N, C-alpha and C. Protein backbone atom coordinates (compact mmCIF):
# COMPACT_ATOMS: atom_id res chain seq x y z
N MET A 1 15.75 10.51 13.83
CA MET A 1 16.64 9.72 12.99
C MET A 1 15.86 8.69 12.18
N GLY A 2 14.76 8.18 12.71
CA GLY A 2 13.95 7.20 12.01
C GLY A 2 13.38 7.72 10.71
N PHE A 3 12.96 8.99 10.70
CA PHE A 3 12.41 9.59 9.49
C PHE A 3 13.42 9.60 8.36
N ILE A 4 14.64 10.00 8.66
CA ILE A 4 15.67 10.07 7.64
C ILE A 4 15.99 8.67 7.10
N ARG A 5 16.07 7.69 7.98
CA ARG A 5 16.36 6.32 7.55
C ARG A 5 15.26 5.80 6.63
N ASN A 6 13.99 6.01 7.00
CA ASN A 6 12.89 5.55 6.16
C ASN A 6 12.85 6.29 4.83
N PHE A 7 13.11 7.58 4.83
CA PHE A 7 13.13 8.37 3.61
C PHE A 7 14.23 7.88 2.69
N TYR A 8 15.39 7.57 3.24
CA TYR A 8 16.52 7.09 2.44
C TYR A 8 16.19 5.74 1.82
N ARG A 9 15.53 4.86 2.56
CA ARG A 9 15.15 3.54 2.03
C ARG A 9 14.18 3.67 0.85
N LYS A 10 13.33 4.67 0.86
CA LYS A 10 12.39 4.83 -0.23
C LYS A 10 13.08 5.35 -1.48
N ILE A 11 14.11 6.15 -1.31
CA ILE A 11 14.83 6.71 -2.45
C ILE A 11 15.84 5.70 -3.01
N VAL A 12 16.65 5.11 -2.15
CA VAL A 12 17.69 4.18 -2.57
C VAL A 12 17.19 2.77 -2.28
N ARG A 13 16.71 2.09 -3.30
CA ARG A 13 16.18 0.75 -3.13
C ARG A 13 17.27 -0.28 -3.36
N GLU A 14 17.08 -1.46 -2.75
CA GLU A 14 18.00 -2.55 -3.00
C GLU A 14 17.88 -2.97 -4.47
N SER A 15 18.93 -3.60 -4.96
CA SER A 15 18.87 -4.05 -6.34
C SER A 15 17.76 -5.08 -6.52
N VAL A 16 17.04 -4.97 -7.59
CA VAL A 16 15.94 -5.89 -7.87
C VAL A 16 16.48 -7.02 -8.73
N TRP A 17 16.34 -8.24 -8.27
CA TRP A 17 16.87 -9.37 -9.00
C TRP A 17 15.86 -9.96 -9.96
N ALA A 18 14.57 -9.64 -9.79
CA ALA A 18 13.54 -10.25 -10.63
C ALA A 18 12.44 -9.24 -10.94
N ARG A 19 11.79 -9.47 -12.05
CA ARG A 19 10.65 -8.64 -12.46
C ARG A 19 9.54 -9.56 -12.97
N PRO A 20 8.30 -9.10 -12.85
CA PRO A 20 7.19 -9.91 -13.40
C PRO A 20 7.39 -10.21 -14.89
N GLU A 21 6.96 -11.40 -15.30
CA GLU A 21 7.05 -11.90 -16.67
C GLU A 21 8.45 -12.32 -17.07
N MET A 22 9.42 -12.19 -16.19
CA MET A 22 10.79 -12.62 -16.48
C MET A 22 10.90 -14.13 -16.29
N LYS A 23 11.72 -14.79 -17.09
CA LYS A 23 11.91 -16.23 -16.95
C LYS A 23 13.08 -16.50 -15.99
N VAL A 24 12.88 -17.49 -15.13
CA VAL A 24 13.93 -17.92 -14.21
C VAL A 24 14.05 -19.44 -14.28
N THR A 25 15.22 -19.95 -13.99
CA THR A 25 15.49 -21.39 -14.06
C THR A 25 15.93 -21.89 -12.68
N PHE A 26 15.24 -22.91 -12.18
CA PHE A 26 15.63 -23.50 -10.91
C PHE A 26 17.00 -24.15 -11.07
N ARG A 27 17.78 -24.15 -10.00
CA ARG A 27 19.08 -24.83 -10.01
C ARG A 27 18.87 -26.32 -10.22
N ALA A 28 19.80 -26.95 -10.90
CA ALA A 28 19.68 -28.38 -11.23
C ALA A 28 19.64 -29.25 -9.98
N GLU A 29 20.29 -28.83 -8.90
CA GLU A 29 20.30 -29.63 -7.67
C GLU A 29 18.89 -29.74 -7.07
N LEU A 30 18.05 -28.76 -7.32
CA LEU A 30 16.70 -28.76 -6.76
C LEU A 30 15.72 -29.59 -7.58
N MET A 31 16.04 -29.80 -8.84
CA MET A 31 15.19 -30.60 -9.72
C MET A 31 16.08 -31.55 -10.55
N PRO A 32 16.65 -32.55 -9.89
CA PRO A 32 17.55 -33.46 -10.62
C PRO A 32 16.80 -34.26 -11.67
N GLY A 33 17.48 -34.48 -12.78
CA GLY A 33 16.91 -35.30 -13.85
C GLY A 33 15.98 -34.54 -14.79
N LYS A 34 15.83 -33.25 -14.59
CA LYS A 34 14.96 -32.46 -15.47
C LYS A 34 15.82 -31.56 -16.34
N SER A 35 15.37 -31.34 -17.57
CA SER A 35 16.12 -30.48 -18.49
C SER A 35 15.92 -29.01 -18.10
N ARG A 36 16.75 -28.16 -18.69
CA ARG A 36 16.65 -26.73 -18.42
C ARG A 36 15.25 -26.20 -18.73
N ASP A 37 14.66 -26.64 -19.82
CA ASP A 37 13.31 -26.16 -20.18
C ASP A 37 12.28 -26.58 -19.15
N GLU A 38 12.42 -27.76 -18.58
CA GLU A 38 11.48 -28.23 -17.56
C GLU A 38 11.66 -27.49 -16.24
N ARG A 39 12.84 -26.89 -16.03
CA ARG A 39 13.12 -26.16 -14.80
C ARG A 39 12.90 -24.66 -14.94
N THR A 40 12.48 -24.20 -16.12
CA THR A 40 12.31 -22.77 -16.38
C THR A 40 10.85 -22.38 -16.26
N PHE A 41 10.62 -21.31 -15.51
CA PHE A 41 9.28 -20.80 -15.26
C PHE A 41 9.25 -19.29 -15.40
N LYS A 42 8.06 -18.75 -15.54
CA LYS A 42 7.87 -17.31 -15.69
C LYS A 42 7.36 -16.74 -14.36
N ILE A 43 7.89 -15.59 -13.97
CA ILE A 43 7.51 -14.94 -12.71
C ILE A 43 6.15 -14.25 -12.87
N ARG A 44 5.24 -14.56 -11.96
CA ARG A 44 3.92 -13.92 -11.95
C ARG A 44 3.94 -12.66 -11.10
N GLU A 45 4.64 -12.73 -9.96
CA GLU A 45 4.62 -11.61 -9.01
C GLU A 45 5.89 -11.59 -8.18
N VAL A 46 6.44 -10.40 -7.93
CA VAL A 46 7.57 -10.24 -7.02
C VAL A 46 7.02 -9.66 -5.73
N LEU A 47 7.25 -10.34 -4.63
CA LEU A 47 6.72 -9.91 -3.33
C LEU A 47 7.66 -8.91 -2.67
N PRO A 48 7.16 -8.09 -1.74
CA PRO A 48 8.03 -7.12 -1.07
C PRO A 48 9.21 -7.76 -0.34
N SER A 49 9.08 -9.02 0.04
CA SER A 49 10.18 -9.71 0.74
C SER A 49 11.32 -10.11 -0.21
N GLY A 50 11.10 -9.96 -1.52
CA GLY A 50 12.09 -10.34 -2.51
C GLY A 50 11.84 -11.72 -3.09
N ARG A 51 10.90 -12.44 -2.50
CA ARG A 51 10.52 -13.76 -3.04
C ARG A 51 9.64 -13.58 -4.25
N VAL A 52 9.50 -14.64 -5.03
CA VAL A 52 8.68 -14.57 -6.25
C VAL A 52 7.62 -15.66 -6.23
N VAL A 53 6.52 -15.39 -6.93
CA VAL A 53 5.46 -16.34 -7.18
C VAL A 53 5.50 -16.63 -8.68
N LEU A 54 5.46 -17.90 -9.06
CA LEU A 54 5.60 -18.29 -10.45
C LEU A 54 4.27 -18.74 -11.05
N TYR A 55 4.17 -18.65 -12.37
CA TYR A 55 3.05 -19.24 -13.09
C TYR A 55 3.29 -20.76 -13.10
N ASP A 56 2.26 -21.53 -12.97
CA ASP A 56 2.30 -22.99 -13.10
C ASP A 56 3.24 -23.69 -12.11
N PHE A 57 3.53 -23.06 -10.98
CA PHE A 57 4.35 -23.69 -9.95
C PHE A 57 3.94 -23.11 -8.60
N VAL A 58 3.62 -23.96 -7.65
CA VAL A 58 3.05 -23.53 -6.38
C VAL A 58 4.13 -23.03 -5.42
N GLY A 59 3.79 -21.99 -4.67
CA GLY A 59 4.64 -21.51 -3.57
C GLY A 59 5.40 -20.24 -3.89
N GLU A 60 6.08 -19.75 -2.84
CA GLU A 60 6.95 -18.58 -2.95
C GLU A 60 8.39 -19.09 -3.00
N HIS A 61 9.21 -18.45 -3.80
CA HIS A 61 10.57 -18.94 -3.98
C HIS A 61 11.56 -17.79 -3.86
N ARG A 62 12.74 -18.07 -3.29
CA ARG A 62 13.73 -17.03 -3.08
C ARG A 62 14.81 -17.08 -4.16
N LYS A 63 15.59 -16.04 -4.22
CA LYS A 63 16.61 -15.88 -5.25
C LYS A 63 17.58 -17.04 -5.30
N SER A 64 17.96 -17.58 -4.15
CA SER A 64 18.97 -18.65 -4.11
C SER A 64 18.49 -19.96 -4.70
N SER A 65 17.19 -20.08 -4.98
CA SER A 65 16.64 -21.31 -5.59
C SER A 65 16.89 -21.36 -7.09
N PHE A 66 17.32 -20.24 -7.67
CA PHE A 66 17.44 -20.14 -9.11
C PHE A 66 18.87 -19.97 -9.57
N GLU A 67 19.14 -20.35 -10.80
CA GLU A 67 20.45 -20.08 -11.41
C GLU A 67 20.60 -18.59 -11.61
N ALA A 68 21.84 -18.16 -11.70
CA ALA A 68 22.11 -16.74 -11.97
C ALA A 68 21.46 -16.35 -13.29
N VAL A 69 20.92 -15.16 -13.35
CA VAL A 69 20.23 -14.71 -14.56
C VAL A 69 21.27 -14.37 -15.63
N ASN A 70 21.07 -14.92 -16.82
CA ASN A 70 21.95 -14.67 -17.95
C ASN A 70 21.10 -14.06 -19.05
N PHE A 71 21.18 -12.73 -19.20
CA PHE A 71 20.33 -12.04 -20.17
C PHE A 71 20.71 -12.35 -21.62
N ARG A 72 21.90 -12.81 -21.86
CA ARG A 72 22.32 -13.11 -23.23
C ARG A 72 21.89 -14.48 -23.70
N ARG A 73 21.45 -15.33 -22.78
CA ARG A 73 21.08 -16.72 -23.14
C ARG A 73 20.02 -16.76 -24.22
N GLU A 74 19.01 -15.90 -24.15
CA GLU A 74 17.92 -15.93 -25.12
C GLU A 74 18.20 -15.13 -26.39
N GLN A 75 19.31 -14.43 -26.44
CA GLN A 75 19.63 -13.62 -27.61
C GLN A 75 20.24 -14.43 -28.73
N THR A 76 20.69 -15.64 -28.47
CA THR A 76 21.35 -16.43 -29.51
C THR A 76 20.38 -17.06 -30.45
């Protein structure tokens, strides 16, 4: 049964919330007093655990640290 479960995990992956070079914005509660531009960073690497490493910001960060991604925000 373990073989089938592992094979299924490789085929059907969890939804990916982030990709390298994508911009993400920290929630305002985590960085009070800073503008949206000051809270926005670019993803350097997505780790297997789902956490991300950012350019110009130390540490690993999880999805809940960021605002929901709005793909239309930059189209205006």
